[in-house]
Amino acid sequence: MSTTRRRILQSFSGGLAGILASGVAPYGFVRNIVKAAESDTIKVGILHSLSGTIAIIETSLHNAELLAIEEINAKGGVLGKKIQPVVEDPQSLVQVFAEKAKKLLLADKVAAVLGCYTSASRQSVLPVFEENNGVLLYPTLYEAQECSKNCFYTGAVPNQQLDDFVPWILNTLGRKKFYLIGANYIYPKETNREVKALLQKHGGTTVAEEYSPLGSTEFSTNINKIASSGCDIVFSDLVGDQIVAFYKQFREFGLTAKDIPICTPITTEQEIAAMGPENAVGHYTSFNYFQSVDTPQNKSFVERYKAKYGKNAVTNAVMEAAYFQTYFLAQAIAKVKSTDADALIYEGLPGQEFQAPQGKVKIDEKNHHTWLWARIGKANEQGQFDVVWKSEDWIRPQPWVPYLYPNKNCDFTDKRVLERLKKPWSQEKNRSGTIDS
């Protein structure tokens, strides 16, 4: 053994002892401690679309992660090493996400990947991360009903958005006839299934439900149907460029928020900046974060983001999650003194906390999702949101919606799950981490 290698092992023996003492000592851990220590930088993958129909929002996630990396490196990096972003553009194409994820893990050998936006892209890359035991941090709100030990979900799940939003629409706005419109893929369809269950529970009705191909931007027929349907609320799960086109055409048709408000869990300041505030004013969004959130952390965050990306740049909820998940990863690597995937999965990332712009956030130790705040915003003439409701405290994530899946649970601290995960991947039949409670 060389002198350098011996010194490396000696310097990290304390961190190794701590992991071994936990009783969940990951295989391959010693090898990866040495590997992490010998490299000059810590490579982290950035996997967001910088072109194509989803680039309108994913570019902001990319920017937020680069800002966080720049800040972390300015403070000395992690373990005395700088984080090196390895950027890939999957071009808003689902199949390209999987190809790029495989490249980042196997060719670039990144410590983890910060990436994806749509549920379709996330589901396309999950097999890659599970088969190669990689770490993915995913910053987007999503439909839930999923748990993977290789993924840490930092965006909202339905109990942190829909559970308060739907009753608020019914009781505060007094609107009970919902017209559901979304993009034709898993997130809008599953979200609308959850919305319909909440409407049934709280006394609303579904007038119609329809989906447009992802990337389509012609909605004249849909809006004609909406106007003649008798609905008093549009619930939109459209994404990317679709959002801009739909809101513009909605207003051009002569419909306003006073006539039929658009309520959505996905439209952000980013899309409003692209469409023009006049097309969004009076409509509602449910999110954990808005640029208008009045906290010292957020005011500083907005200033730093604008200083880097321009005075007209806006912040939004998904990019805020992209920002703080980068800090989660850096803190996790520092905690376990390793870039080993199992060390990060079992010891480093679970329980990580950060004082985010939205408020204090935390990765749940059991289910790998994130404790977040809930807010409802009304779009104003400045292209921002006036917060009209917020939760009294942060909300623990429930990856399995209890009113649809009452007997499902996701607990990576459960002994049965841990025993199964100790098996080599080649022997494992079920990677979901989901068990019947």
Protein backbone atom coordinates (compact mmCIF):
# COMPACT_ATOMS: atom_id res chain seq x y z
CA MET A 1 0.00 0.00 0.00
CA SER A 2 1.36 3.43 -0.94
CA THR A 3 2.00 6.12 1.66
CA THR A 4 -0.73 8.29 0.15
CA ARG A 5 -3.27 5.48 0.19
CA ARG A 6 -2.37 4.60 3.80
CA ARG A 7 -2.84 8.22 4.89
CA ILE A 8 -6.20 8.38 3.17
CA LEU A 9 -7.43 5.28 4.95
CA GLN A 10 -6.17 6.55 8.28
CA SER A 11 -7.77 9.98 7.86
CA PHE A 12 -11.18 8.49 7.10
CA SER A 13 -11.18 5.62 9.58
CA GLY A 14 -13.35 7.59 12.01
CA GLY A 15 -16.09 8.16 9.43
CA LEU A 16 -16.01 4.49 8.43
CA ALA A 17 -16.30 3.38 12.03
CA GLY A 18 -19.42 5.48 12.45
CA ILE A 19 -21.12 3.91 9.46
CA LEU A 20 -20.17 0.39 10.49
CA ALA A 21 -21.48 1.03 13.99
CA SER A 22 -24.91 1.87 12.57
CA GLY A 23 -25.55 -1.78 11.77
CA VAL A 24 -26.23 -1.07 8.11
CA ALA A 25 -22.72 -1.23 6.68
CA PRO A 26 -23.01 -0.88 2.90
CA TYR A 27 -21.00 -3.15 0.66
CA GLY A 28 -18.17 -1.56 -1.32
CA PHE A 29 -17.94 1.29 1.18
CA VAL A 30 -14.21 1.14 1.96
CA ARG A 31 -13.31 1.12 -1.71
CA ASN A 32 -15.39 4.23 -2.36
CA ILE A 33 -14.01 6.16 0.63
CA VAL A 34 -10.55 5.81 -0.85
CA LYS A 35 -11.84 6.69 -4.30
CA ALA A 36 -13.58 9.84 -3.08
CA ALA A 37 -10.56 10.93 -1.09
CA GLU A 38 -8.11 10.49 -3.98
CA SER A 39 -10.08 12.52 -6.50
CA ASP A 40 -9.49 16.25 -6.79
CA THR A 41 -13.17 17.14 -7.20
CA ILE A 42 -16.56 15.67 -6.44
CA LYS A 43 -18.52 15.18 -9.65
CA VAL A 44 -22.28 15.79 -9.52
CA GLY A 45 -24.57 15.26 -12.50
CA ILE A 46 -27.01 17.98 -13.60
CA LEU A 47 -29.74 16.41 -15.75
CA HIS A 48 -32.32 18.97 -16.86
CA SER A 49 -33.67 19.87 -20.30
CA LEU A 50 -32.05 22.99 -21.72
CA SER A 51 -33.92 22.58 -25.01
CA GLY A 52 -37.34 21.31 -26.08
CA THR A 53 -40.82 21.88 -24.70
CA ILE A 54 -39.94 21.54 -20.99
CA ALA A 55 -36.84 23.75 -21.11
CA ILE A 56 -38.96 26.77 -20.15
CA ILE A 57 -39.01 25.49 -16.56
CA GLU A 58 -36.13 23.01 -16.41
CA THR A 59 -33.58 25.68 -17.26
CA SER A 60 -34.42 27.39 -13.98
CA LEU A 61 -33.75 24.15 -12.06
CA HIS A 62 -30.39 23.84 -13.81
CA ASN A 63 -29.58 27.46 -12.92
CA ALA A 64 -30.55 27.03 -9.26
CA GLU A 65 -28.36 23.97 -8.85
CA LEU A 66 -25.39 25.75 -10.42
CA LEU A 67 -25.95 28.69 -8.07
CA ALA A 68 -25.95 26.38 -5.05
CA ILE A 69 -22.78 24.63 -6.27
CA GLU A 70 -21.10 28.00 -6.78
CA GLU A 71 -22.02 29.03 -3.22
CA ILE A 72 -20.85 25.75 -1.72
CA ASN A 73 -17.54 25.92 -3.59
CA ALA A 74 -17.03 29.54 -2.50
CA LYS A 75 -17.24 28.34 1.11
CA GLY A 76 -14.56 25.70 0.58
CA GLY A 77 -16.51 22.95 -1.11
CA VAL A 78 -17.11 19.58 0.53
CA LEU A 79 -14.39 17.63 2.32
CA GLY A 80 -12.00 20.29 1.08
CA LYS A 81 -12.90 19.54 -2.54
CA LYS A 82 -14.83 21.55 -5.08
CA ILE A 83 -18.06 20.19 -6.55
CA GLN A 84 -17.72 19.75 -10.30
CA PRO A 85 -21.05 19.87 -12.16
CA VAL A 86 -21.33 17.52 -15.12
CA VAL A 87 -24.14 18.93 -17.26
CA GLU A 88 -26.26 16.96 -19.72
CA ASP A 89 -29.21 18.20 -21.80
CA PRO A 90 -31.84 15.48 -22.36
CA GLN A 91 -33.73 17.80 -24.74
CA SER A 92 -37.17 17.19 -23.14
CA LEU A 93 -37.11 13.65 -24.59
CA VAL A 94 -37.95 10.82 -22.19
CA GLN A 95 -35.66 8.24 -23.82
CA VAL A 96 -32.72 10.66 -23.79
CA PHE A 97 -33.05 11.13 -20.03
CA ALA A 98 -32.30 7.43 -19.50
CA GLU A 99 -29.34 7.53 -21.90
CA LYS A 100 -27.84 10.58 -20.20
CA ALA A 101 -28.42 9.15 -16.71
CA LYS A 102 -26.50 6.01 -17.66
CA LYS A 103 -23.66 8.09 -19.06
CA LEU A 104 -23.43 10.19 -15.90
CA LEU A 105 -23.32 7.14 -13.63
CA LEU A 106 -21.11 4.78 -15.63
CA ALA A 107 -18.89 6.98 -17.79
CA ASP A 108 -18.64 10.19 -15.75
CA LYS A 109 -18.90 8.33 -12.40
CA VAL A 110 -20.74 11.14 -10.66
CA ALA A 111 -21.45 10.92 -6.94
CA ALA A 112 -25.13 11.66 -7.52
CA VAL A 113 -27.45 13.23 -10.07
CA LEU A 114 -29.67 16.27 -9.55
CA GLY A 115 -32.25 15.91 -12.23
CA CYS A 116 -35.49 15.38 -14.13
CA TYR A 117 -38.73 17.34 -14.08
CA THR A 118 -41.66 15.36 -15.47
CA SER A 119 -42.75 12.07 -13.92
CA ALA A 120 -42.21 10.43 -17.30
CA SER A 121 -38.54 11.42 -17.25
CA ARG A 122 -38.15 10.34 -13.62
CA GLN A 123 -39.67 6.94 -14.30
CA SER A 124 -37.46 6.49 -17.35
CA VAL A 125 -34.27 6.98 -15.31
CA LEU A 126 -35.23 5.13 -12.11
CA PRO A 127 -34.32 1.68 -13.53
CA VAL A 128 -30.90 3.05 -14.45
CA PHE A 129 -30.29 4.29 -10.90
CA GLU A 130 -31.63 1.12 -9.30
CA GLU A 131 -29.71 -1.28 -11.54
CA ASN A 132 -26.45 0.64 -11.07
CA ASN A 133 -27.09 1.68 -7.45
CA GLY A 134 -26.87 5.39 -8.14
CA VAL A 135 -28.35 8.35 -6.25
CA LEU A 136 -30.97 10.65 -7.80
CA LEU A 137 -32.32 13.81 -6.17
CA TYR A 138 -35.60 14.79 -7.84
CA PRO A 139 -36.94 18.33 -7.22
CA THR A 140 -40.40 18.34 -8.81
CA LEU A 141 -43.84 18.03 -7.29
CA TYR A 142 -45.30 14.74 -8.41
CA GLU A 143 -48.25 12.38 -8.14
CA ALA A 144 -46.69 10.14 -5.43
CA GLN A 145 -47.50 6.40 -5.26
CA GLU A 146 -43.80 5.65 -5.54
CA CYS A 147 -40.77 4.87 -3.38
CA SER A 148 -37.28 4.00 -4.56
CA LYS A 149 -34.34 3.74 -2.20
CA ASN A 150 -32.17 5.28 -4.91
CA CYS A 151 -34.29 8.43 -5.25
CA PHE A 152 -34.73 11.32 -2.82
CA TYR A 153 -37.81 13.37 -3.63
CA THR A 154 -37.57 17.04 -2.67
CA GLY A 155 -40.72 18.32 -4.40
CA ALA A 156 -44.26 18.20 -3.08
CA VAL A 157 -46.54 15.16 -2.94
CA PRO A 158 -50.36 15.43 -2.94
CA ASN A 159 -50.82 15.77 0.82
CA GLN A 160 -48.56 18.86 0.64
CA GLN A 161 -50.53 20.47 -2.22
CA LEU A 162 -53.87 18.97 -3.18
CA ASP A 163 -55.23 18.02 0.24
CA ASP A 164 -55.58 21.66 1.24
CA PHE A 165 -55.98 23.20 -2.20
CA VAL A 166 -59.09 21.34 -3.39
CA PRO A 167 -61.14 22.00 -0.21
CA TRP A 168 -59.96 25.64 -0.30
CA ILE A 169 -61.29 26.05 -3.85
CA LEU A 170 -64.62 24.55 -2.83
CA ASN A 171 -65.04 26.43 0.44
CA THR A 172 -63.26 29.75 -0.10
CA LEU A 173 -63.85 30.37 -3.80
CA GLY A 174 -67.20 28.60 -3.70
CA ARG A 175 -66.42 26.86 -7.00
CA LYS A 176 -67.57 23.24 -7.18
CA LYS A 177 -67.77 22.25 -10.86
CA PHE A 178 -64.29 21.24 -12.03
CA TYR A 179 -63.12 20.98 -15.62
CA LEU A 180 -59.88 18.92 -15.58
CA ILE A 181 -57.33 19.46 -18.35
CA GLY A 182 -53.79 18.12 -18.47
CA ALA A 183 -50.91 16.83 -20.53
CA ASN A 184 -51.21 13.23 -21.64
CA TYR A 185 -48.82 11.40 -19.31
CA ILE A 186 -48.73 9.92 -15.83
CA TYR A 187 -48.47 13.03 -13.61
CA PRO A 188 -51.63 14.82 -14.84
CA LYS A 189 -53.66 11.60 -15.03
CA GLU A 190 -52.73 10.40 -11.56
CA THR A 191 -53.07 13.89 -10.09
CA ASN A 192 -56.55 14.23 -11.54
CA ARG A 193 -57.47 10.84 -10.07
CA GLU A 194 -56.49 12.27 -6.68
CA VAL A 195 -58.42 15.49 -7.36
CA LYS A 196 -61.54 13.50 -8.23
CA ALA A 197 -61.25 11.52 -5.01
CA LEU A 198 -60.98 14.77 -3.04
CA LEU A 199 -63.98 16.23 -4.88
CA GLN A 200 -66.02 13.19 -3.98
CA LYS A 201 -64.91 13.51 -0.36
CA HIS A 202 -65.55 17.27 -0.05
CA GLY A 203 -68.61 17.77 -2.23
CA GLY A 204 -67.40 18.89 -5.66
CA THR A 205 -68.07 17.46 -9.11
CA THR A 206 -66.10 16.76 -12.29
CA VAL A 207 -67.71 18.29 -15.38
CA ALA A 208 -65.13 16.95 -17.85
CA GLU A 209 -61.62 15.51 -18.02
CA GLU A 210 -59.36 15.65 -21.06
CA TYR A 211 -55.70 15.43 -22.02
CA SER A 212 -53.56 16.96 -24.75
CA PRO A 213 -50.37 15.41 -26.15
CA LEU A 214 -47.29 16.61 -24.30
CA GLY A 215 -45.90 19.56 -26.24
CA SER A 216 -49.14 20.46 -28.03
CA THR A 217 -50.00 24.17 -27.85
CA GLU A 218 -53.34 24.52 -29.64
CA PHE A 219 -56.25 24.75 -27.20
CA SER A 220 -59.04 26.57 -29.04
CA THR A 221 -61.23 23.46 -29.16
CA ASN A 222 -60.62 22.74 -25.48
CA ILE A 223 -61.45 26.31 -24.46
CA ASN A 224 -64.66 26.26 -26.49
CA LYS A 225 -65.66 23.13 -24.59
CA ILE A 226 -64.77 24.76 -21.28
CA ALA A 227 -66.86 27.85 -22.04
CA SER A 228 -69.94 25.80 -22.84
CA SER A 229 -69.49 23.09 -20.21
CA GLY A 230 -71.11 24.82 -17.24
CA CYS A 231 -67.94 24.46 -15.17
CA ASP A 232 -66.98 27.18 -12.71
CA ILE A 233 -63.32 26.19 -12.26
CA VAL A 234 -60.57 24.88 -14.56
CA PHE A 235 -58.06 22.60 -12.87
CA SER A 236 -54.97 22.52 -15.09
CA ASP A 237 -52.15 19.98 -15.14
CA LEU A 238 -50.66 21.27 -18.39
CA VAL A 239 -46.87 21.60 -18.35
CA GLY A 240 -44.03 23.51 -19.99
CA ASP A 241 -44.87 25.49 -23.13
CA GLN A 242 -48.47 24.25 -22.88
CA ILE A 243 -49.07 26.46 -19.85
CA VAL A 244 -48.07 29.63 -21.67
CA ALA A 245 -50.19 28.78 -24.71
CA PHE A 246 -53.27 27.77 -22.71
CA TYR A 247 -53.37 30.88 -20.52
CA LYS A 248 -52.86 33.19 -23.50
CA GLN A 249 -55.60 31.52 -25.55
CA PHE A 250 -57.91 31.42 -22.53
CA ARG A 251 -57.69 35.22 -22.23
CA GLU A 252 -57.89 35.75 -26.01
CA PHE A 253 -61.17 33.82 -25.97
CA GLY A 254 -62.49 36.42 -23.53
CA LEU A 255 -62.39 34.35 -20.33
CA THR A 256 -60.95 35.85 -17.14
CA ALA A 257 -60.36 34.67 -13.60
CA LYS A 258 -63.61 36.37 -12.59
CA ASP A 259 -65.47 34.17 -15.06
CA ILE A 260 -63.69 30.83 -14.59
CA PRO A 261 -60.52 30.80 -12.46
CA ILE A 262 -57.70 28.47 -13.47
CA CYS A 263 -56.38 26.58 -10.46
CA THR A 264 -53.21 24.55 -10.80
CA PRO A 265 -50.50 22.80 -8.81
CA ILE A 266 -47.84 23.46 -11.43
CA THR A 267 -47.88 26.98 -12.96
CA THR A 268 -45.02 29.07 -11.57
CA GLU A 269 -43.55 32.56 -11.87
CA GLN A 270 -41.38 31.19 -14.70
CA GLU A 271 -44.32 30.47 -17.00
CA ILE A 272 -46.02 33.75 -16.03
CA ALA A 273 -42.90 35.66 -17.06
CA ALA A 274 -43.04 33.90 -20.44
CA MET A 275 -46.78 34.49 -21.03
CA GLY A 276 -47.02 38.01 -19.56
CA PRO A 277 -48.67 38.78 -16.20
CA GLU A 278 -51.86 40.02 -17.88
CA ASN A 279 -52.65 36.45 -18.95
CA ALA A 280 -52.34 34.99 -15.45
CA VAL A 281 -53.72 37.68 -13.17
CA GLY A 282 -56.35 36.40 -10.75
CA HIS A 283 -55.63 32.70 -11.31
CA TYR A 284 -54.41 30.44 -8.49
CA THR A 285 -51.50 28.09 -7.84
CA SER A 286 -50.78 25.79 -4.90
CA PHE A 287 -47.09 25.47 -4.08
CA ASN A 288 -44.63 25.24 -1.22
CA TYR A 289 -42.76 28.35 -2.28
CA PHE A 290 -43.34 31.60 -4.15
CA GLN A 291 -40.84 34.35 -4.91
CA SER A 292 -42.98 36.62 -2.73
CA VAL A 293 -42.46 34.52 0.44
CA ASP A 294 -41.48 36.95 3.18
CA THR A 295 -38.51 35.35 4.94
CA PRO A 296 -34.94 36.66 5.31
CA GLN A 297 -33.63 33.49 3.65
CA ASN A 298 -35.86 34.04 0.63
CA LYS A 299 -35.05 37.72 0.22
CA SER A 300 -31.35 36.87 0.21
CA PHE A 301 -31.94 33.93 -2.16
CA VAL A 302 -33.85 36.08 -4.67
CA GLU A 303 -31.14 38.75 -4.56
CA ARG A 304 -28.38 36.20 -5.19
CA TYR A 305 -30.32 34.52 -8.00
CA LYS A 306 -30.99 37.84 -9.75
CA ALA A 307 -27.37 38.89 -9.28
CA LYS A 308 -26.26 35.77 -11.14
CA TYR A 309 -28.98 35.46 -13.79
CA GLY A 310 -30.21 39.03 -14.30
CA LYS A 311 -32.59 41.48 -12.65
CA ASN A 312 -35.55 40.15 -14.64
CA ALA A 313 -34.99 36.55 -13.59
CA VAL A 314 -37.69 35.05 -11.38
CA THR A 315 -37.57 32.29 -8.82
CA ASN A 316 -40.13 29.48 -8.49
CA ALA A 317 -41.03 26.46 -6.37
CA VAL A 318 -39.39 23.68 -8.35
CA MET A 319 -36.13 25.54 -8.76
CA GLU A 320 -36.17 26.36 -5.04
CA ALA A 321 -36.29 22.61 -4.39
CA ALA A 322 -33.48 22.12 -6.91
CA TYR A 323 -31.49 24.70 -4.97
CA PHE A 324 -31.91 23.23 -1.50
CA GLN A 325 -31.51 19.62 -2.64
CA THR A 326 -28.00 20.56 -3.79
CA TYR A 327 -27.25 21.59 -0.22
CA PHE A 328 -28.83 18.36 1.06
CA LEU A 329 -26.35 16.41 -1.08
CA ALA A 330 -23.32 18.46 0.00
CA GLN A 331 -24.27 18.11 3.67
CA ALA A 332 -24.78 14.36 3.24
CA ILE A 333 -21.36 13.86 1.65
CA ALA A 334 -19.76 15.88 4.45
CA LYS A 335 -21.62 13.84 7.07
CA VAL A 336 -20.49 10.40 5.89
CA LYS A 337 -17.17 11.63 4.46
CA SER A 338 -17.82 9.63 1.32
CA THR A 339 -19.44 9.70 -2.10
CA ASP A 340 -20.40 6.04 -1.81
CA ALA A 341 -24.02 5.54 -2.91
CA ASP A 342 -24.96 3.26 -0.02
CA ALA A 343 -23.40 5.60 2.52
CA LEU A 344 -25.49 8.47 1.12
CA ILE A 345 -28.66 6.38 0.87
CA TYR A 346 -28.54 4.81 4.33
CA GLU A 347 -26.75 7.43 6.40
CA GLY A 348 -26.07 10.67 4.62
CA LEU A 349 -29.30 11.92 3.07
CA PRO A 350 -32.07 10.67 5.41
CA GLY A 351 -32.82 13.31 8.05
CA GLN A 352 -30.91 16.12 6.34
CA GLU A 353 -32.30 19.56 7.20
CA PHE A 354 -31.86 22.97 5.59
CA GLN A 355 -33.19 26.46 6.20
CA ALA A 356 -34.61 26.93 2.72
CA PRO A 357 -36.19 30.07 1.25
CA GLN A 358 -39.66 28.59 1.92
CA GLY A 359 -38.76 27.73 5.55
CA LYS A 360 -37.06 24.81 7.24
CA VAL A 361 -37.18 21.59 5.19
CA LYS A 362 -36.10 18.02 5.95
CA ILE A 363 -35.71 14.68 4.19
CA ASP A 364 -37.92 12.19 5.99
CA GLU A 365 -35.82 9.42 7.51
CA LYS A 366 -38.32 6.73 6.57
CA ASN A 367 -39.65 7.49 3.10
CA HIS A 368 -36.98 9.64 1.35
CA HIS A 369 -39.48 12.42 0.64
CA THR A 370 -39.27 15.94 2.05
CA TRP A 371 -41.09 17.84 4.80
CA LEU A 372 -42.38 21.01 3.11
CA TRP A 373 -44.70 23.95 3.66
CA ALA A 374 -47.96 24.50 1.78
CA ARG A 375 -49.14 27.79 0.28
CA ILE A 376 -51.81 29.02 -2.13
CA GLY A 377 -51.00 32.03 -4.31
CA LYS A 378 -53.09 34.36 -6.46
CA ALA A 379 -51.29 35.75 -9.51
CA ASN A 380 -51.04 39.53 -9.52
CA GLU A 381 -50.35 42.19 -12.16
CA GLN A 382 -46.61 42.15 -11.44
CA GLY A 383 -46.27 38.49 -12.40
CA GLN A 384 -45.89 37.40 -8.80
CA PHE A 385 -48.19 35.60 -6.39
CA ASP A 386 -49.97 37.08 -3.41
CA VAL A 387 -50.03 34.36 -0.76
CA VAL A 388 -53.70 33.96 0.25
CA TRP A 389 -53.26 30.88 2.47
CA LYS A 390 -50.41 28.96 4.07
CA SER A 391 -50.02 25.97 6.37
CA GLU A 392 -49.36 26.57 10.04
CA ASP A 393 -46.35 24.26 10.03
CA TRP A 394 -44.28 22.12 7.69
CA ILE A 395 -46.05 18.98 6.49
CA ARG A 396 -44.72 15.43 6.64
CA PRO A 397 -44.82 13.81 3.18
CA GLN A 398 -47.12 10.86 2.50
CA PRO A 399 -45.84 9.11 -0.64
CA TRP A 400 -48.89 6.84 -0.73
CA VAL A 401 -52.16 8.77 -0.84
CA PRO A 402 -54.17 7.27 2.05
CA TYR A 403 -57.61 7.81 0.48
CA LEU A 404 -56.53 5.81 -2.57
CA TYR A 405 -53.99 3.40 -1.05
CA PRO A 406 -54.93 2.90 2.64
CA ASN A 407 -52.79 -0.21 3.08
CA LYS A 408 -49.55 1.04 1.56
CA ASN A 409 -46.50 2.31 3.39
CA CYS A 410 -42.98 3.36 2.50
CA ASP A 411 -40.43 2.88 5.25
CA PHE A 412 -36.75 2.41 4.52
CA THR A 413 -36.02 2.01 8.23
CA ASP A 414 -38.28 -1.06 8.41
CA LYS A 415 -36.21 -4.16 9.21
CA ARG A 416 -37.91 -6.17 6.46
CA VAL A 417 -36.95 -3.58 3.86
CA LEU A 418 -33.39 -3.29 5.14
CA GLU A 419 -32.90 -7.04 5.10
CA ARG A 420 -34.09 -7.18 1.51
CA LEU A 421 -31.84 -4.31 0.47
CA LYS A 422 -28.74 -6.08 1.82
CA LYS A 423 -29.07 -8.64 -0.98
CA PRO A 424 -27.00 -8.15 -4.14
CA TRP A 425 -28.97 -6.31 -6.78
CA SER A 426 -28.88 -9.36 -9.06
CA GLN A 427 -30.92 -11.31 -6.48
CA GLU A 428 -33.47 -8.58 -5.80
CA LYS A 429 -36.93 -8.94 -7.32
CA ASN A 430 -38.71 -5.86 -5.95
CA ARG A 431 -36.81 -2.59 -5.78
CA SER A 432 -39.68 -0.28 -4.93
CA GLY A 433 -39.10 -0.18 -1.16
CA THR A 434 -42.86 -0.42 -0.77
CA ILE A 435 -44.44 -2.84 1.66
CA ASP A 436 -47.94 -3.59 2.82
CA SER A 437 -48.50 -2.06 6.23
